[in-house]
Amino acid sequence: MTNDTHPPAVRRRTAIKAGAAGIGGVVLGASGLPVAGRAAPESYRFLWVNSWLTDGIEGVLGSSLNVAAKPQYQERAVELGRRLGEGGYDIVGLCEVFNDEQDSVETEYVDVVGSGEAIPGPEPDGGEKGAGLLDLVSNVEVTDQATIEYEAEPDGNLTYVDAHVGKGANYAELDLGPGAVDLFTTHLVTGSLLPWADGGDEDIPALRGQQLNELGEFVDEQSSPENVTVVAGDFNIAPDGEAADDLEAFAADAGLNDAWLDHGSGPGGTNDGAIIDGCAFDPNDAPPAYCPIDDAGKRIDYVFLEAPTADHAMELNVEAMDRRVFWRERASPDQFYADDAEEVPNYVTDHVGLELSLTATSA
């Protein structure tokens, strides 16, 4: 329920193959039936993952340079979009994907699924890159969209990577047929320094706490009582780390439950350490590859689901929740890079994705 006077900033590639219309049109559900009038439970697949497609300082103050870019980010953008489509994901939340790579991910995803659209987060503003947020959807209808750029950011110290990125949050109302989801995706400040910087002086945990306050206000403003709120993101906060109390308070105030605690198994690490030091999947069974229960890495990516209320128009149930990695098969799974020069990543992303199998039923 956006209060903005501007039209929704939805960039879409209309799916001619499936006959999908724009906002307000009829879209086929996961079963192939029209959204309207569905009574039986509908199944959906959701994924959140940090895509690790940072293109360096490209886009900052109009710069076309990719200094400090992640290796093979252009090639991996194409691979990721294709993998997401092949995975059959109806709803995807991504961060760390910018500029042309947003188009690459979107194009590959839509080409595979046959219909879909991309919903970008905050765009470049005031000499900064955009937020790097991108949501992808297929088999659902986008009925509203809004964005927010956080005021709390390390803009006073340009040695931080995030001083050049407009951190914020993305919102989309998604009609699943039995009811709607208010989806929010975000990526909080990392505290990472540029390669040539020796140190910084920002209180990063405090900035994360301030960003959580802004996110909480955004969720309160945009969410509707009859919709089920879902918040996903890379919060850069471990359950026992600094700002963990702020994260817990944010979830409690918004009436949200940590989906991993309710539906996952094990510690649930999601950062690069969870790939390098854990996720000992059987390569004979991959891809797709799912992490077994282990205690490697830190859990800094989360999916929060709103607790059921009497106002909800539907019940959104989690049938399964798993951790997925995108192995490129360039080397043994225990190698993050396929080469000694660390120029060829052996994984499409450097985070573990959080995959949820969902069913939506009219309340």
Protein backbone atom coordinates (compact mmCIF):
# COMPACT_ATOMS: atom_id res chain seq x y z
CA MET A 1 0.00 0.00 0.00
CA THR A 2 2.46 2.55 -1.21
CA ASN A 3 1.81 6.17 -0.31
CA ASP A 4 4.12 7.43 -3.03
CA THR A 5 2.54 9.61 -5.72
CA HIS A 6 4.87 8.13 -8.34
CA PRO A 7 3.80 5.03 -10.29
CA PRO A 8 5.25 1.68 -9.18
CA ALA A 9 8.86 1.35 -10.36
CA VAL A 10 8.40 -2.14 -11.76
CA ARG A 11 10.61 -3.09 -14.69
CA ARG A 12 9.05 -6.03 -16.43
CA ARG A 13 9.57 -8.19 -19.48
CA THR A 14 5.99 -9.27 -20.17
CA ALA A 15 5.74 -12.98 -20.76
CA ILE A 16 4.24 -13.28 -24.18
CA LYS A 17 4.70 -17.05 -24.15
CA ALA A 18 2.36 -17.44 -21.19
CA GLY A 19 0.08 -14.54 -22.05
CA ALA A 20 0.80 -12.71 -18.80
CA ALA A 21 -0.43 -9.12 -18.56
CA GLY A 22 0.97 -6.17 -16.66
CA ILE A 23 -0.18 -5.01 -13.25
CA GLY A 24 -3.87 -5.75 -12.92
CA GLY A 25 -3.83 -8.44 -15.63
CA VAL A 26 -4.51 -12.16 -15.29
CA VAL A 27 -1.44 -14.21 -14.48
CA LEU A 28 -1.26 -17.98 -14.40
CA GLY A 29 -0.60 -19.56 -11.03
CA ALA A 30 1.83 -22.36 -10.26
CA SER A 31 -0.82 -24.93 -11.24
CA GLY A 32 -1.46 -23.29 -14.60
CA LEU A 33 -4.89 -22.07 -13.51
CA PRO A 34 -5.91 -18.40 -13.40
CA VAL A 35 -5.20 -16.69 -10.10
CA ALA A 36 -8.84 -15.73 -9.55
CA GLY A 37 -11.10 -18.28 -7.88
CA ARG A 38 -8.46 -20.75 -6.68
CA ALA A 39 -9.52 -22.67 -3.58
CA ALA A 40 -6.97 -25.49 -3.39
CA PRO A 41 -3.53 -24.83 -1.86
CA GLU A 42 -1.05 -23.35 -4.29
CA SER A 43 2.63 -24.27 -4.13
CA TYR A 44 5.45 -21.75 -4.56
CA ARG A 45 9.23 -21.85 -4.38
CA PHE A 46 11.08 -18.91 -2.83
CA LEU A 47 14.81 -18.21 -2.70
CA TRP A 48 16.87 -15.51 -1.05
CA VAL A 49 20.59 -15.24 -1.87
CA ASN A 50 23.35 -12.65 -1.91
CA SER A 51 24.42 -12.87 -5.56
CA TRP A 52 28.00 -11.53 -5.19
CA LEU A 53 27.80 -9.70 -8.53
CA THR A 54 29.38 -6.43 -7.41
CA ASP A 55 30.77 -4.55 -10.39
CA GLY A 56 33.25 -2.42 -8.44
CA ILE A 57 32.87 1.35 -8.58
CA GLU A 58 31.03 1.23 -11.91
CA GLY A 59 28.06 3.59 -11.77
CA VAL A 60 29.50 5.81 -9.03
CA LEU A 61 29.39 9.43 -10.27
CA GLY A 62 28.90 8.07 -13.77
CA SER A 63 32.11 6.04 -13.71
CA SER A 64 32.38 3.09 -16.10
CA LEU A 65 35.33 1.55 -14.24
CA ASN A 66 34.98 -1.85 -12.60
CA VAL A 67 37.80 -1.38 -10.10
CA ALA A 68 37.31 -3.69 -7.07
CA ALA A 69 34.75 -5.77 -8.97
CA LYS A 70 34.18 -9.38 -8.00
CA PRO A 71 35.71 -11.97 -10.36
CA GLN A 72 33.73 -13.01 -13.43
CA TYR A 73 30.70 -11.02 -12.27
CA GLN A 74 29.36 -10.62 -15.80
CA GLU A 75 29.62 -14.31 -16.64
CA ARG A 76 28.19 -15.32 -13.29
CA ALA A 77 25.20 -13.00 -13.72
CA VAL A 78 24.18 -14.95 -16.81
CA GLU A 79 24.71 -18.26 -15.00
CA LEU A 80 22.73 -17.17 -11.94
CA GLY A 81 19.71 -16.01 -13.94
CA ARG A 82 19.65 -19.30 -15.81
CA ARG A 83 20.05 -21.36 -12.63
CA LEU A 84 17.22 -19.50 -10.92
CA GLY A 85 14.92 -20.22 -13.83
CA GLU A 86 15.94 -23.86 -13.98
CA GLY A 87 15.33 -24.12 -10.24
CA GLY A 88 11.67 -23.33 -10.76
CA TYR A 89 11.64 -20.42 -8.33
CA ASP A 90 8.44 -18.38 -8.41
CA ILE A 91 9.84 -15.64 -6.14
CA VAL A 92 13.50 -14.67 -5.78
CA GLY A 93 15.16 -12.01 -3.65
CA LEU A 94 18.69 -10.92 -4.58
CA CYS A 95 21.26 -8.39 -3.43
CA GLU A 96 24.67 -7.29 -4.74
CA VAL A 97 23.52 -7.15 -8.36
CA PHE A 98 23.95 -3.82 -10.12
CA ASN A 99 23.61 -2.01 -13.45
CA ASP A 100 23.84 -4.23 -16.54
CA GLU A 101 24.01 -7.38 -14.45
CA GLN A 102 20.43 -6.79 -13.29
CA ASP A 103 19.38 -6.99 -16.94
CA SER A 104 21.47 -10.14 -17.49
CA VAL A 105 19.96 -11.95 -14.50
CA GLU A 106 16.44 -10.90 -15.47
CA THR A 107 16.81 -11.86 -19.13
CA GLU A 108 18.14 -15.34 -18.39
CA TYR A 109 15.53 -16.01 -15.70
CA VAL A 110 12.61 -14.93 -17.90
CA ASP A 111 13.93 -16.83 -20.91
CA VAL A 112 13.99 -20.06 -18.88
CA VAL A 113 10.68 -19.76 -17.02
CA GLY A 114 8.84 -18.34 -20.03
CA SER A 115 7.19 -15.54 -18.06
CA GLY A 116 8.19 -13.22 -15.29
CA GLU A 117 9.39 -9.82 -14.30
CA ALA A 118 12.08 -8.05 -12.35
CA ILE A 119 11.46 -5.57 -9.56
CA PRO A 120 14.55 -3.42 -8.90
CA GLY A 121 15.33 -1.77 -5.59
CA PRO A 122 16.47 1.84 -5.01
CA GLU A 123 18.11 3.26 -8.12
CA PRO A 124 21.37 5.29 -8.27
CA ASP A 125 21.01 8.67 -6.58
CA GLY A 126 23.36 11.52 -5.83
CA GLY A 127 26.47 9.94 -7.29
CA GLU A 128 25.94 6.56 -5.59
CA LYS A 129 25.29 3.19 -7.11
CA GLY A 130 21.84 1.77 -6.55
CA ALA A 131 21.10 -0.55 -3.64
CA GLY A 132 21.88 -3.68 -5.66
CA LEU A 133 18.50 -5.21 -4.77
CA LEU A 134 16.53 -7.15 -7.36
CA ASP A 135 13.43 -9.32 -6.94
CA LEU A 136 12.30 -11.75 -9.62
CA VAL A 137 8.82 -13.22 -9.85
CA SER A 138 6.97 -15.65 -12.07
CA ASN A 139 3.47 -17.14 -11.73
CA VAL A 140 2.41 -14.33 -9.39
CA GLU A 141 1.01 -10.85 -9.94
CA VAL A 142 2.79 -7.72 -8.72
CA THR A 143 0.13 -5.31 -7.45
CA ASP A 144 2.25 -2.70 -5.66
CA GLN A 145 5.89 -1.71 -5.27
CA ALA A 146 7.97 0.83 -3.34
CA THR A 147 11.56 1.41 -2.27
CA ILE A 148 13.44 3.21 0.47
CA GLU A 149 17.05 4.35 0.69
CA TYR A 150 18.41 4.31 4.22
CA GLU A 151 19.54 7.58 5.72
CA ALA A 152 21.98 5.72 7.99
CA GLU A 153 25.05 4.90 5.94
CA PRO A 154 28.83 5.39 6.20
CA ASP A 155 28.83 8.35 3.83
CA GLY A 156 31.24 10.27 6.02
CA ASN A 157 34.08 7.85 5.28
CA LEU A 158 34.63 7.04 1.61
CA THR A 159 36.99 4.16 2.45
CA TYR A 160 33.92 1.96 2.98
CA VAL A 161 32.44 0.12 0.02
CA ASP A 162 28.95 0.97 1.21
CA ALA A 163 29.71 4.68 1.18
CA HIS A 164 29.27 4.36 -2.59
CA VAL A 165 26.11 2.24 -2.49
CA GLY A 166 22.59 3.51 -1.74
CA LYS A 167 21.67 0.86 0.83
CA GLY A 168 17.95 0.42 1.31
CA ALA A 169 14.98 -1.91 1.01
CA ASN A 170 12.65 -3.11 -1.72
CA TYR A 171 8.93 -3.79 -1.29
CA ALA A 172 6.54 -5.67 -3.55
CA GLU A 173 2.97 -6.80 -2.96
CA LEU A 174 2.56 -10.20 -4.62
CA ASP A 175 -0.86 -11.69 -5.32
CA LEU A 176 -0.66 -15.46 -4.92
CA GLY A 177 -4.33 -16.02 -5.59
CA PRO A 178 -5.57 -17.14 -2.16
CA GLY A 179 -4.12 -13.92 -0.79
CA ALA A 180 -1.13 -11.63 -1.05
CA VAL A 181 2.38 -11.42 0.36
CA ASP A 182 4.06 -8.16 1.36
CA LEU A 183 7.64 -8.98 0.41
CA PHE A 184 10.51 -6.85 1.71
CA THR A 185 14.15 -7.47 0.76
CA THR A 186 17.21 -5.66 2.06
CA HIS A 187 20.99 -5.69 2.49
CA LEU A 188 22.38 -3.93 5.54
CA VAL A 189 25.73 -2.18 5.65
CA THR A 190 28.68 -4.57 5.45
CA GLY A 191 31.52 -2.56 6.93
CA SER A 192 33.81 -3.77 4.12
CA LEU A 193 36.69 -1.50 3.17
CA LEU A 194 37.86 -0.70 -0.33
CA PRO A 195 40.99 -2.70 -1.34
CA TRP A 196 43.32 0.29 -0.94
CA ALA A 197 41.92 1.40 2.45
CA ASP A 198 43.70 0.64 5.73
CA GLY A 199 40.86 1.28 8.14
CA GLY A 200 37.70 3.13 8.93
CA ASP A 201 36.15 4.84 11.88
CA GLU A 202 32.40 4.18 11.50
CA ASP A 203 30.42 2.31 14.14
CA ILE A 204 29.07 -0.32 11.74
CA PRO A 205 26.91 -2.27 14.24
CA ALA A 206 25.25 0.99 15.28
CA LEU A 207 24.55 1.82 11.62
CA ARG A 208 22.94 -1.59 11.19
CA GLY A 209 20.72 -0.90 14.17
CA GLN A 210 19.67 2.43 12.67
CA GLN A 211 18.97 0.78 9.32
CA LEU A 212 16.81 -1.81 11.08
CA ASN A 213 14.80 1.01 12.63
CA GLU A 214 14.25 2.51 9.18
CA LEU A 215 13.33 -0.91 7.78
CA GLY A 216 10.83 -1.41 10.60
CA GLU A 217 9.12 1.88 9.80
CA PHE A 218 9.05 0.98 6.10
CA VAL A 219 7.48 -2.40 6.82
CA ASP A 220 4.87 -0.77 9.04
CA GLU A 221 4.02 1.83 6.37
CA GLN A 222 3.77 -0.53 3.41
CA SER A 223 2.34 -3.77 4.81
CA SER A 224 -1.39 -4.48 4.88
CA PRO A 225 -3.20 -6.36 7.68
CA GLU A 226 -4.75 -8.88 5.26
CA ASN A 227 -1.39 -9.75 3.64
CA VAL A 228 1.32 -12.01 5.02
CA THR A 229 4.58 -10.10 5.54
CA VAL A 230 7.84 -11.72 4.43
CA VAL A 231 11.20 -10.03 5.05
CA ALA A 232 14.40 -11.46 3.58
CA GLY A 233 17.90 -10.15 3.38
CA ASP A 234 21.58 -10.20 4.13
CA PHE A 235 21.57 -8.46 7.51
CA ASN A 236 25.28 -8.99 8.21
CA ILE A 237 24.32 -9.81 11.80
CA ALA A 238 25.02 -13.19 13.39
CA PRO A 239 22.48 -14.44 15.97
CA ASP A 240 25.07 -13.90 18.71
CA GLY A 241 26.85 -10.93 17.15
CA GLU A 242 26.76 -7.19 17.60
CA ALA A 243 23.38 -5.66 16.73
CA ALA A 244 21.70 -9.05 17.28
CA ASP A 245 19.45 -7.42 19.88
CA ASP A 246 18.42 -4.84 17.28
CA LEU A 247 17.56 -7.61 14.82
CA GLU A 248 15.54 -9.46 17.43
CA ALA A 249 13.70 -6.26 18.36
CA PHE A 250 12.94 -5.52 14.70
CA ALA A 251 11.40 -8.96 14.21
CA ALA A 252 9.41 -8.78 17.43
CA ASP A 253 8.02 -5.32 16.69
CA ALA A 254 6.93 -6.44 13.21
CA GLY A 255 5.40 -9.69 14.46
CA LEU A 256 7.88 -11.77 12.47
CA ASN A 257 9.32 -15.22 13.13
CA ASP A 258 12.79 -16.38 12.08
CA ALA A 259 11.94 -19.04 9.47
CA TRP A 260 15.19 -20.94 9.98
CA LEU A 261 14.56 -21.44 13.67
CA ASP A 262 11.09 -22.77 12.90
CA HIS A 263 11.80 -24.81 9.78
CA GLY A 264 15.56 -25.26 9.31
CA SER A 265 17.98 -27.82 10.73
CA GLY A 266 21.30 -27.01 12.36
CA PRO A 267 23.16 -23.70 12.81
CA GLY A 268 22.37 -22.63 9.24
CA GLY A 269 25.50 -20.70 8.24
CA THR A 270 25.09 -18.60 5.09
CA ASN A 271 28.30 -16.59 4.52
CA ASP A 272 31.30 -17.69 2.46
CA GLY A 273 32.65 -19.72 5.38
CA ALA A 274 29.58 -21.93 5.18
CA ILE A 275 30.65 -22.86 1.64
CA ILE A 276 34.40 -23.11 2.13
CA ASP A 277 34.42 -24.88 5.50
CA GLY A 278 31.17 -26.79 5.22
CA CYS A 279 28.41 -27.69 2.81
CA ALA A 280 29.93 -31.10 2.10
CA PHE A 281 27.33 -32.13 -0.42
CA ASP A 282 27.76 -35.19 -2.62
CA PRO A 283 28.97 -33.94 -6.03
CA ASN A 284 27.46 -37.05 -7.63
CA ASP A 285 24.02 -35.74 -6.66
CA ALA A 286 24.64 -32.15 -7.76
CA PRO A 287 23.62 -29.74 -9.10
CA PRO A 288 21.39 -28.65 -7.50
CA ALA A 289 23.45 -28.84 -4.32
CA TYR A 290 22.10 -28.54 -0.79
CA CYS A 291 24.13 -28.15 2.38
CA PRO A 292 23.85 -30.88 5.01
CA ILE A 293 23.63 -30.04 8.69
CA ASP A 294 26.94 -28.52 9.81
CA ASP A 295 28.22 -25.70 11.98
CA ALA A 296 30.41 -23.95 9.40
CA GLY A 297 30.19 -20.25 8.64
CA LYS A 298 27.99 -17.56 10.15
CA ARG A 299 24.24 -17.16 9.77
CA ILE A 300 23.86 -13.60 8.50
CA ASP A 301 21.10 -14.10 5.90
CA TYR A 302 17.53 -14.42 7.17
CA VAL A 303 13.98 -14.96 6.04
CA PHE A 304 11.33 -13.71 8.48
CA LEU A 305 7.66 -14.66 8.19
CA GLU A 306 4.77 -12.91 9.85
CA ALA A 307 2.99 -14.96 12.48
CA PRO A 308 -0.60 -15.87 11.49
CA THR A 309 -3.25 -13.30 12.43
CA ALA A 310 -7.04 -13.21 12.24
CA ASP A 311 -6.79 -10.48 9.59
CA HIS A 312 -4.83 -12.55 7.09
CA ALA A 313 -6.69 -13.45 3.91
CA MET A 314 -4.60 -16.60 3.49
CA GLU A 315 -2.45 -19.09 5.33
CA LEU A 316 1.16 -19.26 4.14
CA ASN A 317 2.80 -22.47 5.28
CA VAL A 318 6.44 -23.55 5.00
CA GLU A 319 6.66 -27.15 3.82
CA ALA A 320 10.47 -27.23 3.74
CA MET A 321 13.45 -24.93 4.15
CA ASP A 322 16.94 -25.74 2.90
CA ARG A 323 20.30 -24.14 2.24
CA ARG A 324 21.33 -24.18 -1.41
CA VAL A 325 24.66 -23.43 -3.09
CA PHE A 326 25.31 -22.85 -6.77
CA TRP A 327 28.35 -25.01 -7.63
CA ARG A 328 29.85 -24.29 -11.06
CA GLU A 329 31.58 -27.72 -11.38
CA ARG A 330 34.90 -26.06 -12.25
CA ALA A 331 36.74 -27.89 -9.47
CA SER A 332 36.13 -30.06 -6.42
CA PRO A 333 33.34 -28.70 -4.19
CA ASP A 334 35.84 -28.06 -1.38
CA GLN A 335 37.55 -25.37 -3.50
CA PHE A 336 35.89 -21.97 -3.57
CA TYR A 337 38.10 -20.96 -6.50
CA ALA A 338 38.97 -23.24 -9.39
CA ASP A 339 42.39 -21.61 -9.85
CA ASP A 340 45.31 -20.50 -7.69
CA ALA A 341 45.01 -16.91 -8.90
CA GLU A 342 41.45 -16.77 -7.50
CA GLU A 343 40.10 -15.40 -10.74
CA VAL A 344 37.67 -18.24 -11.49
CA PRO A 345 35.10 -18.81 -8.73
CA ASN A 346 33.92 -22.40 -8.34
CA TYR A 347 30.56 -21.10 -7.10
CA VAL A 348 28.15 -18.65 -8.69
CA THR A 349 27.66 -16.79 -5.41
CA ASP A 350 29.66 -16.47 -2.19
CA HIS A 351 26.62 -16.94 0.08
CA VAL A 352 24.38 -19.90 0.74
CA GLY A 353 20.86 -19.37 -0.52
CA LEU A 354 17.80 -19.88 1.67
CA GLU A 355 15.17 -21.89 -0.20
CA LEU A 356 11.59 -22.25 1.03
CA SER A 357 8.81 -24.44 -0.33
CA LEU A 358 5.54 -22.68 0.44
CA THR A 359 1.83 -23.42 0.20
CA ALA A 360 -0.79 -20.69 0.15
CA THR A 361 -4.38 -21.43 1.16
CA SER A 362 -7.36 -19.11 1.51
CA ALA A 363 -8.07 -18.42 5.17
